Amino acid sequence: MKDLIKDGIIASLGTVNRYPALLTDQQDLTALLRQLHPWNTEQPLIRFGPQGDGGYLIPDDLDEIQTCFSPGVSSMSGFEKACAQQGMQVFMADKSVDQPAEDDESFHFIKKFIGATSNEDFMTLSEWVDASIPDDHSELMLQMDIEGCEYEVFLSTPTCLIKRFRIMVVELHLLDQLWNQAFFQLANAAFQKLLQTHSCIHIHPNNRLRPVKKSELVIPPVMEFTFLRNDRFFKNEHRRTFPHPLDSDNMPGPGITLPACWFRNP
């Protein structure tokens, strides 16, 4: 009888494009969020790119970073332009567009998605870097907005390459799905890999989608994370005040203050 009821529920949910999933244990999710609480850095945060969408906060620690890789090309290139103005070569990739929003002699574009495999439409981050700057061991920066594929990219990228990115700015998607146990396992594995070499130093919620609240945990579906390599700062204290004065809402409308579960409270 239980199996019949279960099958009936699954069939009913299927008619509205839904499927049941196991919930993540709240203690496991809370533990992950605690690992992502942003740290203070000796270097102040600065804003690269415009106010609103396309601008991100990064630490003022850019000396000797000669190259930025930016998978995911939008309708604006303000962040990439700021990198070019700092003397960086900027490599951009996106299969869904024909070219970047702006022209710059420092821009290098390839019409492919960045993912976990290589084929006609995709290439891996490792292959892209090797093809762009072969036999090079310089410091890099990463700015990535690839609509949910970021988790598989990190899991498929060798740690030795991840470590070359001194600064990583990543727009993380589907965060409300952390309550889905299967997705949590995937995302948690990606986070644990990143946290071997980097630490979170800033989080900014994208106000395009409203947060999902369950118990005392409030999770915005999309947020911008800034990671800094662990050898670039001392972990003396966590950042406790949000938003940062340089933060800016991604789009017009009600803003989202970073929920308290995402940063260390006194």
C-alpha atoms as a PDB file:
ATOM      1  CA  MET A   1       0.000   0.000   0.000  1.00  0.00           C
ATOM      2  CA  LYS A   2       2.828   2.426   0.851  1.00  0.00           C
ATOM      3  CA  ASP A   3       4.402   1.794  -2.543  1.00  0.00           C
ATOM      4  CA  LEU A   4       1.108   2.497  -4.292  1.00  0.00           C
ATOM      5  CA  ILE A   5       0.701   5.772  -2.394  1.00  0.00           C
ATOM      6  CA  LYS A   6       4.291   6.727  -3.177  1.00  0.00           C
ATOM      7  CA  ASP A   7       3.835   5.922  -6.868  1.00  0.00           C
ATOM      8  CA  GLY A   8       0.619   7.956  -6.917  1.00  0.00           C
ATOM      9  CA  ILE A   9       2.325  10.983  -5.369  1.00  0.00           C
ATOM     10  CA  ILE A  10       5.227  10.769  -7.810  1.00  0.00           C
ATOM     11  CA  ALA A  11       2.838  10.481 -10.758  1.00  0.00           C
ATOM     12  CA  SER A  12       0.839  13.493  -9.554  1.00  0.00           C
ATOM     13  CA  LEU A  13       3.957  15.609  -9.120  1.00  0.00           C
ATOM     14  CA  GLY A  14       5.103  14.625 -12.582  1.00  0.00           C
ATOM     15  CA  THR A  15       2.091  16.315 -14.116  1.00  0.00           C
ATOM     16  CA  VAL A  16       3.351  19.660 -12.770  1.00  0.00           C
ATOM     17  CA  ASN A  17       7.041  18.989 -13.568  1.00  0.00           C
ATOM     18  CA  ARG A  18       7.990  18.198  -9.982  1.00  0.00           C
ATOM     19  CA  TYR A  19       9.738  15.232  -8.391  1.00  0.00           C
ATOM     20  CA  PRO A  20      10.267  14.408  -4.710  1.00  0.00           C
ATOM     21  CA  ALA A  21      13.798  14.566  -3.278  1.00  0.00           C
ATOM     22  CA  LEU A  22      15.451  13.781   0.016  1.00  0.00           C
ATOM     23  CA  LEU A  23      16.043  16.855   2.174  1.00  0.00           C
ATOM     24  CA  THR A  24      19.535  17.812   3.268  1.00  0.00           C
ATOM     25  CA  ASP A  25      20.147  17.418   6.970  1.00  0.00           C
ATOM     26  CA  GLN A  26      19.994  20.920   8.447  1.00  0.00           C
ATOM     27  CA  GLN A  27      23.141  20.347  10.512  1.00  0.00           C
ATOM     28  CA  ASP A  28      25.084  19.498   7.344  1.00  0.00           C
ATOM     29  CA  LEU A  29      23.827  22.601   5.566  1.00  0.00           C
ATOM     30  CA  THR A  30      24.545  24.829   8.562  1.00  0.00           C
ATOM     31  CA  ALA A  31      28.069  23.420   8.759  1.00  0.00           C
ATOM     32  CA  LEU A  32      28.697  24.248   5.093  1.00  0.00           C
ATOM     33  CA  LEU A  33      27.398  27.797   5.472  1.00  0.00           C
ATOM     34  CA  ARG A  34      29.663  28.272   8.466  1.00  0.00           C
ATOM     35  CA  GLN A  35      32.678  27.240   6.382  1.00  0.00           C
ATOM     36  CA  LEU A  36      31.714  29.941   3.871  1.00  0.00           C
ATOM     37  CA  HIS A  37      31.450  32.795   6.378  1.00  0.00           C
ATOM     38  CA  PRO A  38      33.538  35.608   4.848  1.00  0.00           C
ATOM     39  CA  TRP A  39      36.879  36.579   6.344  1.00  0.00           C
ATOM     40  CA  ASN A  40      38.350  40.044   6.729  1.00  0.00           C
ATOM     41  CA  THR A  41      41.504  40.730   4.751  1.00  0.00           C
ATOM     42  CA  GLU A  42      44.363  43.143   5.223  1.00  0.00           C
ATOM     43  CA  GLN A  43      43.677  44.430   1.704  1.00  0.00           C
ATOM     44  CA  PRO A  44      40.551  46.591   1.316  1.00  0.00           C
ATOM     45  CA  LEU A  45      37.857  45.506  -1.090  1.00  0.00           C
ATOM     46  CA  ILE A  46      37.522  47.497  -4.294  1.00  0.00           C
ATOM     47  CA  ARG A  47      34.813  47.419  -6.958  1.00  0.00           C
ATOM     48  CA  PHE A  48      35.629  46.323 -10.487  1.00  0.00           C
ATOM     49  CA  GLY A  49      32.936  47.026 -13.036  1.00  0.00           C
ATOM     50  CA  PRO A  50      29.801  49.172 -12.977  1.00  0.00           C
ATOM     51  CA  GLN A  51      27.203  49.739 -10.311  1.00  0.00           C
ATOM     52  CA  GLY A  52      24.469  47.142 -10.626  1.00  0.00           C
ATOM     53  CA  ASP A  53      24.908  43.922 -12.572  1.00  0.00           C
ATOM     54  CA  GLY A  54      28.370  43.181 -13.919  1.00  0.00           C
ATOM     55  CA  GLY A  55      30.325  44.771 -11.060  1.00  0.00           C
ATOM     56  CA  TYR A  56      32.052  42.758  -8.330  1.00  0.00           C
ATOM     57  CA  LEU A  57      34.062  43.344  -5.181  1.00  0.00           C
ATOM     58  CA  ILE A  58      37.625  42.010  -5.114  1.00  0.00           C
ATOM     59  CA  PRO A  59      40.563  42.532  -2.753  1.00  0.00           C
ATOM     60  CA  ASP A  60      43.077  45.201  -3.685  1.00  0.00           C
ATOM     61  CA  ASP A  61      45.725  42.560  -4.278  1.00  0.00           C
ATOM     62  CA  LEU A  62      46.345  42.683  -8.004  1.00  0.00           C
ATOM     63  CA  ASP A  63      50.131  43.062  -8.263  1.00  0.00           C
ATOM     64  CA  GLU A  64      51.619  40.556 -10.715  1.00  0.00           C
ATOM     65  CA  ILE A  65      48.214  39.263 -11.876  1.00  0.00           C
ATOM     66  CA  GLN A  66      48.660  39.431 -15.637  1.00  0.00           C
ATOM     67  CA  THR A  67      45.674  37.441 -16.846  1.00  0.00           C
ATOM     68  CA  CYS A  68      41.964  37.189 -16.106  1.00  0.00           C
ATOM     69  CA  PHE A  69      39.796  34.327 -17.339  1.00  0.00           C
ATOM     70  CA  SER A  70      36.130  35.235 -17.616  1.00  0.00           C
ATOM     71  CA  PRO A  71      33.780  32.436 -18.731  1.00  0.00           C
ATOM     72  CA  GLY A  72      30.228  33.628 -19.269  1.00  0.00           C
ATOM     73  CA  VAL A  73      29.819  36.746 -21.413  1.00  0.00           C
ATOM     74  CA  SER A  74      26.924  39.081 -20.663  1.00  0.00           C
ATOM     75  CA  SER A  75      25.560  42.224 -22.281  1.00  0.00           C
ATOM     76  CA  MET A  76      28.233  44.287 -20.525  1.00  0.00           C
ATOM     77  CA  SER A  77      31.974  43.927 -20.079  1.00  0.00           C
ATOM     78  CA  GLY A  78      32.658  46.407 -17.296  1.00  0.00           C
ATOM     79  CA  PHE A  79      34.550  43.989 -15.064  1.00  0.00           C
ATOM     80  CA  GLU A  80      36.701  42.754 -17.938  1.00  0.00           C
ATOM     81  CA  LYS A  81      37.331  46.341 -19.059  1.00  0.00           C
ATOM     82  CA  ALA A  82      38.568  47.222 -15.572  1.00  0.00           C
ATOM     83  CA  CYS A  83      40.941  44.258 -15.709  1.00  0.00           C
ATOM     84  CA  ALA A  84      42.264  45.394 -19.080  1.00  0.00           C
ATOM     85  CA  GLN A  85      42.834  48.884 -17.682  1.00  0.00           C
ATOM     86  CA  GLN A  86      45.025  47.254 -15.030  1.00  0.00           C
ATOM     87  CA  GLY A  87      47.186  45.823 -17.803  1.00  0.00           C
ATOM     88  CA  MET A  88      45.727  42.302 -17.780  1.00  0.00           C
ATOM     89  CA  GLN A  89      45.056  40.142 -20.786  1.00  0.00           C
ATOM     90  CA  VAL A  90      41.420  39.019 -20.570  1.00  0.00           C
ATOM     91  CA  PHE A  91      40.252  35.695 -21.968  1.00  0.00           C
ATOM     92  CA  MET A  92      36.482  35.308 -22.402  1.00  0.00           C
ATOM     93  CA  ALA A  93      34.377  32.305 -23.423  1.00  0.00           C
ATOM     94  CA  ASP A  94      30.695  31.778 -24.183  1.00  0.00           C
ATOM     95  CA  LYS A  95      28.953  29.699 -26.853  1.00  0.00           C
ATOM     96  CA  SER A  96      25.702  31.694 -26.590  1.00  0.00           C
ATOM     97  CA  VAL A  97      27.130  34.964 -27.956  1.00  0.00           C
ATOM     98  CA  ASP A  98      29.230  35.900 -30.964  1.00  0.00           C
ATOM     99  CA  GLN A  99      31.491  38.407 -29.248  1.00  0.00           C
ATOM    100  CA  PRO A 100      31.941  40.450 -26.055  1.00  0.00           C
ATOM    101  CA  ALA A 101      29.808  43.524 -25.475  1.00  0.00           C
ATOM    102  CA  GLU A 102      32.828  45.798 -25.959  1.00  0.00           C
ATOM    103  CA  ASP A 103      35.997  45.763 -28.014  1.00  0.00           C
ATOM    104  CA  ASP A 104      39.418  45.968 -26.422  1.00  0.00           C
ATOM    105  CA  GLU A 105      42.827  44.944 -27.693  1.00  0.00           C
ATOM    106  CA  SER A 106      43.337  43.013 -24.454  1.00  0.00           C
ATOM    107  CA  PHE A 107      40.205  40.887 -24.982  1.00  0.00           C
ATOM    108  CA  HIS A 108      40.505  37.352 -26.385  1.00  0.00           C
ATOM    109  CA  PHE A 109      37.223  35.562 -27.067  1.00  0.00           C
ATOM    110  CA  ILE A 110      36.370  31.946 -27.854  1.00  0.00           C
ATOM    111  CA  LYS A 111      32.866  30.845 -28.822  1.00  0.00           C
ATOM    112  CA  LYS A 112      32.573  27.874 -26.456  1.00  0.00           C
ATOM    113  CA  PHE A 113      31.056  27.067 -23.098  1.00  0.00           C
ATOM    114  CA  ILE A 114      33.341  26.100 -20.229  1.00  0.00           C
ATOM    115  CA  GLY A 115      32.318  22.805 -18.667  1.00  0.00           C
ATOM    116  CA  ALA A 116      33.485  19.411 -17.414  1.00  0.00           C
ATOM    117  CA  THR A 117      34.137  17.881 -20.848  1.00  0.00           C
ATOM    118  CA  SER A 118      35.383  18.913 -24.266  1.00  0.00           C
ATOM    119  CA  ASN A 119      33.444  18.661 -27.515  1.00  0.00           C
ATOM    120  CA  GLU A 120      32.136  20.909 -30.276  1.00  0.00           C
ATOM    121  CA  ASP A 121      30.372  23.205 -27.803  1.00  0.00           C
ATOM    122  CA  PHE A 122      32.395  22.826 -24.585  1.00  0.00           C
ATOM    123  CA  MET A 123      35.955  22.896 -23.357  1.00  0.00           C
ATOM    124  CA  THR A 124      37.360  22.418 -19.872  1.00  0.00           C
ATOM    125  CA  LEU A 125      38.853  25.262 -17.872  1.00  0.00           C
ATOM    126  CA  SER A 126      42.190  23.450 -17.832  1.00  0.00           C
ATOM    127  CA  GLU A 127      42.294  23.080 -21.622  1.00  0.00           C
ATOM    128  CA  TRP A 128      41.280  26.698 -22.078  1.00  0.00           C
ATOM    129  CA  VAL A 129      44.042  27.992 -19.830  1.00  0.00           C
ATOM    130  CA  ASP A 130      46.653  25.727 -21.416  1.00  0.00           C
ATOM    131  CA  ALA A 131      45.647  26.841 -24.914  1.00  0.00           C
ATOM    132  CA  SER A 132      45.584  30.521 -23.968  1.00  0.00           C
ATOM    133  CA  ILE A 133      48.823  30.836 -21.976  1.00  0.00           C
ATOM    134  CA  PRO A 134      50.873  27.674 -22.623  1.00  0.00           C
ATOM    135  CA  ASP A 135      53.903  26.929 -20.445  1.00  0.00           C
ATOM    136  CA  ASP A 136      53.001  29.791 -18.150  1.00  0.00           C
ATOM    137  CA  HIS A 137      52.914  29.731 -14.342  1.00  0.00           C
ATOM    138  CA  SER A 138      51.859  33.326 -13.665  1.00  0.00           C
ATOM    139  CA  GLU A 139      49.214  34.446 -11.189  1.00  0.00           C
ATOM    140  CA  LEU A 140      45.660  34.442 -12.552  1.00  0.00           C
ATOM    141  CA  MET A 141      42.220  35.816 -11.707  1.00  0.00           C
ATOM    142  CA  LEU A 142      38.894  34.117 -12.447  1.00  0.00           C
ATOM    143  CA  GLN A 143      35.495  35.770 -12.907  1.00  0.00           C
ATOM    144  CA  MET A 144      32.853  33.174 -13.685  1.00  0.00           C
ATOM    145  CA  ASP A 145      29.111  33.383 -14.321  1.00  0.00           C
ATOM    146  CA  ILE A 146      28.019  30.240 -16.149  1.00  0.00           C
ATOM    147  CA  GLU A 147      24.470  29.687 -14.931  1.00  0.00           C
ATOM    148  CA  GLY A 148      24.923  26.693 -12.643  1.00  0.00           C
ATOM    149  CA  CYS A 149      27.726  24.830 -14.430  1.00  0.00           C
ATOM    150  CA  GLU A 150      30.283  26.252 -11.998  1.00  0.00           C
ATOM    151  CA  TYR A 151      30.083  23.256  -9.668  1.00  0.00           C
ATOM    152  CA  GLU A 152      31.032  20.716 -12.331  1.00  0.00           C
ATOM    153  CA  VAL A 153      33.786  23.012 -13.592  1.00  0.00           C
ATOM    154  CA  PHE A 154      35.441  23.213 -10.185  1.00  0.00           C
ATOM    155  CA  LEU A 155      35.111  19.480  -9.599  1.00  0.00           C
ATOM    156  CA  SER A 156      36.713  18.712 -12.972  1.00  0.00           C
ATOM    157  CA  THR A 157      39.558  21.238 -12.649  1.00  0.00           C
ATOM    158  CA  PRO A 158      42.882  20.083 -11.186  1.00  0.00           C
ATOM    159  CA  THR A 159      43.706  21.643  -7.831  1.00  0.00           C
ATOM    160  CA  CYS A 160      47.078  22.788  -9.178  1.00  0.00           C
ATOM    161  CA  LEU A 161      45.234  25.040 -11.654  1.00  0.00           C
ATOM    162  CA  ILE A 162      42.679  26.281  -9.113  1.00  0.00           C
ATOM    163  CA  LYS A 163      45.607  27.315  -6.936  1.00  0.00           C
ATOM    164  CA  ARG A 164      46.947  29.544  -9.713  1.00  0.00           C
ATOM    165  CA  PHE A 165      43.871  31.761  -9.430  1.00  0.00           C
ATOM    166  CA  ARG A 166      44.782  34.212  -6.686  1.00  0.00           C
ATOM    167  CA  ILE A 167      41.304  35.761  -6.780  1.00  0.00           C
ATOM    168  CA  MET A 168      38.109  34.061  -7.900  1.00  0.00           C
ATOM    169  CA  VAL A 169      34.799  35.892  -8.300  1.00  0.00           C
ATOM    170  CA  VAL A 170      31.999  33.426  -8.948  1.00  0.00           C
ATOM    171  CA  GLU A 171      28.273  33.937  -9.301  1.00  0.00           C
ATOM    172  CA  LEU A 172      26.872  30.796  -7.700  1.00  0.00           C
ATOM    173  CA  HIS A 173      23.450  29.603  -8.831  1.00  0.00           C
ATOM    174  CA  LEU A 174      20.800  27.182  -7.554  1.00  0.00           C
ATOM    175  CA  LEU A 175      21.752  27.796  -3.940  1.00  0.00           C
ATOM    176  CA  ASP A 176      18.165  27.284  -2.826  1.00  0.00           C
ATOM    177  CA  GLN A 177      18.607  23.709  -4.074  1.00  0.00           C
ATOM    178  CA  LEU A 178      21.099  23.083  -1.265  1.00  0.00           C
ATOM    179  CA  TRP A 179      18.062  21.704   0.570  1.00  0.00           C
ATOM    180  CA  ASN A 180      17.977  18.959  -2.083  1.00  0.00           C
ATOM    181  CA  GLN A 181      20.293  16.253  -0.738  1.00  0.00           C
ATOM    182  CA  ALA A 182      21.552  15.151  -4.154  1.00  0.00           C
ATOM    183  CA  PHE A 183      22.433  18.702  -5.189  1.00  0.00           C
ATOM    184  CA  PHE A 184      23.944  19.415  -1.771  1.00  0.00           C
ATOM    185  CA  GLN A 185      26.365  16.523  -2.226  1.00  0.00           C
ATOM    186  CA  LEU A 186      27.506  17.918  -5.580  1.00  0.00           C
ATOM    187  CA  ALA A 187      27.813  21.518  -4.396  1.00  0.00           C
ATOM    188  CA  ASN A 188      29.416  20.579  -1.087  1.00  0.00           C
ATOM    189  CA  ALA A 189      32.084  18.559  -2.909  1.00  0.00           C
ATOM    190  CA  ALA A 190      32.869  21.593  -5.075  1.00  0.00           C
ATOM    191  CA  PHE A 191      33.026  23.903  -2.049  1.00  0.00           C
ATOM    192  CA  GLN A 192      35.281  21.509  -0.119  1.00  0.00           C
ATOM    193  CA  LYS A 193      37.660  21.409  -3.074  1.00  0.00           C
ATOM    194  CA  LEU A 194      37.795  25.214  -3.269  1.00  0.00           C
ATOM    195  CA  LEU A 195      38.273  25.592   0.469  1.00  0.00           C
ATOM    196  CA  GLN A 196      41.442  23.508   0.343  1.00  0.00           C
ATOM    197  CA  THR A 197      43.219  26.454  -1.268  1.00  0.00           C
ATOM    198  CA  HIS A 198      40.918  29.496  -0.964  1.00  0.00           C
ATOM    199  CA  SER A 199      38.619  31.186   1.516  1.00  0.00           C
ATOM    200  CA  CYS A 200      35.497  33.260   1.040  1.00  0.00           C
ATOM    201  CA  ILE A 201      36.044  36.967   1.725  1.00  0.00           C
ATOM    202  CA  HIS A 202      32.801  38.474   0.413  1.00  0.00           C
ATOM    203  CA  ILE A 203      29.236  37.489  -0.491  1.00  0.00           C
ATOM    204  CA  HIS A 204      26.633  39.610  -2.227  1.00  0.00           C
ATOM    205  CA  PRO A 205      23.095  38.332  -2.945  1.00  0.00           C
ATOM    206  CA  ASN A 206      21.712  38.898  -6.420  1.00  0.00           C
ATOM    207  CA  ASN A 207      18.285  40.504  -5.916  1.00  0.00           C
ATOM    208  CA  ARG A 208      16.846  39.018  -9.124  1.00  0.00           C
ATOM    209  CA  LEU A 209      15.378  36.110  -7.116  1.00  0.00           C
ATOM    210  CA  ARG A 210      13.965  36.264  -3.600  1.00  0.00           C
ATOM    211  CA  PRO A 211      15.485  34.200  -0.776  1.00  0.00           C
ATOM    212  CA  VAL A 212      14.080  30.861   0.333  1.00  0.00           C
ATOM    213  CA  LYS A 213      13.531  30.517   4.101  1.00  0.00           C
ATOM    214  CA  LYS A 214      13.388  27.215   5.951  1.00  0.00           C
ATOM    215  CA  SER A 215      13.767  27.133   9.711  1.00  0.00           C
ATOM    216  CA  GLU A 216      16.382  29.770  10.629  1.00  0.00           C
ATOM    217  CA  LEU A 217      18.251  29.383   7.331  1.00  0.00           C
ATOM    218  CA  VAL A 218      17.604  31.944   4.596  1.00  0.00           C
ATOM    219  CA  ILE A 219      19.159  31.149   1.223  1.00  0.00           C
ATOM    220  CA  PRO A 220      19.166  33.554  -1.736  1.00  0.00           C
ATOM    221  CA  PRO A 221      19.128  31.416  -4.913  1.00  0.00           C
ATOM    222  CA  VAL A 222      21.937  33.375  -6.610  1.00  0.00           C
ATOM    223  CA  MET A 223      24.870  35.103  -4.909  1.00  0.00           C
ATOM    224  CA  GLU A 224      28.244  36.539  -5.899  1.00  0.00           C
ATOM    225  CA  PHE A 225      31.158  35.040  -3.967  1.00  0.00           C
ATOM    226  CA  THR A 226      34.705  36.377  -3.824  1.00  0.00           C
ATOM    227  CA  PHE A 227      37.430  33.873  -2.893  1.00  0.00           C
ATOM    228  CA  LEU A 228      41.038  34.722  -2.079  1.00  0.00           C
ATOM    229  CA  ARG A 229      43.873  32.203  -1.991  1.00  0.00           C
ATOM    230  CA  ASN A 230      44.797  31.308   1.559  1.00  0.00           C
ATOM    231  CA  ASP A 231      48.445  32.343   1.273  1.00  0.00           C
ATOM    232  CA  ARG A 232      47.441  35.958   0.549  1.00  0.00           C
ATOM    233  CA  PHE A 233      46.060  36.881   3.969  1.00  0.00           C
ATOM    234  CA  PHE A 234      45.903  35.966   7.650  1.00  0.00           C
ATOM    235  CA  LYS A 235      42.621  34.632   9.011  1.00  0.00           C
ATOM    236  CA  ASN A 236      42.391  36.857  12.056  1.00  0.00           C
ATOM    237  CA  GLU A 237      38.691  37.652  12.068  1.00  0.00           C
ATOM    238  CA  HIS A 238      35.513  37.227  10.104  1.00  0.00           C
ATOM    239  CA  ARG A 239      33.741  40.030   8.306  1.00  0.00           C
ATOM    240  CA  ARG A 240      30.673  40.926  10.345  1.00  0.00           C
ATOM    241  CA  THR A 241      29.072  43.897   8.573  1.00  0.00           C
ATOM    242  CA  PHE A 242      26.995  43.552   5.398  1.00  0.00           C
ATOM    243  CA  PRO A 243      26.358  44.958   2.909  1.00  0.00           C
ATOM    244  CA  HIS A 244      29.751  46.437   2.095  1.00  0.00           C
ATOM    245  CA  PRO A 245      29.587  50.176   1.214  1.00  0.00           C
ATOM    246  CA  LEU A 246      30.602  49.320  -2.366  1.00  0.00           C
ATOM    247  CA  ASP A 247      27.898  46.698  -2.868  1.00  0.00           C
ATOM    248  CA  SER A 248      25.194  47.552  -5.388  1.00  0.00           C
ATOM    249  CA  ASP A 249      21.888  45.821  -6.204  1.00  0.00           C
ATOM    250  CA  ASN A 250      22.036  43.847  -9.437  1.00  0.00           C
ATOM    251  CA  MET A 251      18.715  45.194 -10.702  1.00  0.00           C
ATOM    252  CA  PRO A 252      16.088  47.785  -9.741  1.00  0.00           C
ATOM    253  CA  GLY A 253      13.688  46.725  -7.022  1.00  0.00           C
ATOM    254  CA  PRO A 254      13.964  45.588  -3.408  1.00  0.00           C
ATOM    255  CA  GLY A 255      17.492  44.742  -2.395  1.00  0.00           C
ATOM    256  CA  ILE A 256      18.562  41.697  -0.396  1.00  0.00           C
ATOM    257  CA  THR A 257      20.730  42.042   2.683  1.00  0.00           C
ATOM    258  CA  LEU A 258      22.978  39.041   3.230  1.00  0.00           C
ATOM    259  CA  PRO A 259      21.063  36.816   5.681  1.00  0.00           C
ATOM    260  CA  ALA A 260      22.648  36.370   9.110  1.00  0.00           C
ATOM    261  CA  CYS A 261      23.250  32.635   8.605  1.00  0.00           C
ATOM    262  CA  TRP A 262      25.848  33.485   5.943  1.00  0.00           C
ATOM    263  CA  PHE A 263      28.239  35.471   8.140  1.00  0.00           C
ATOM    264  CA  ARG A 264      29.721  35.239  11.600  1.00  0.00           C
ATOM    265  CA  ASN A 265      27.683  37.053  14.210  1.00  0.00           C
ATOM    266  CA  PRO A 266      29.193  38.426  17.440  1.00  0.00           C
END
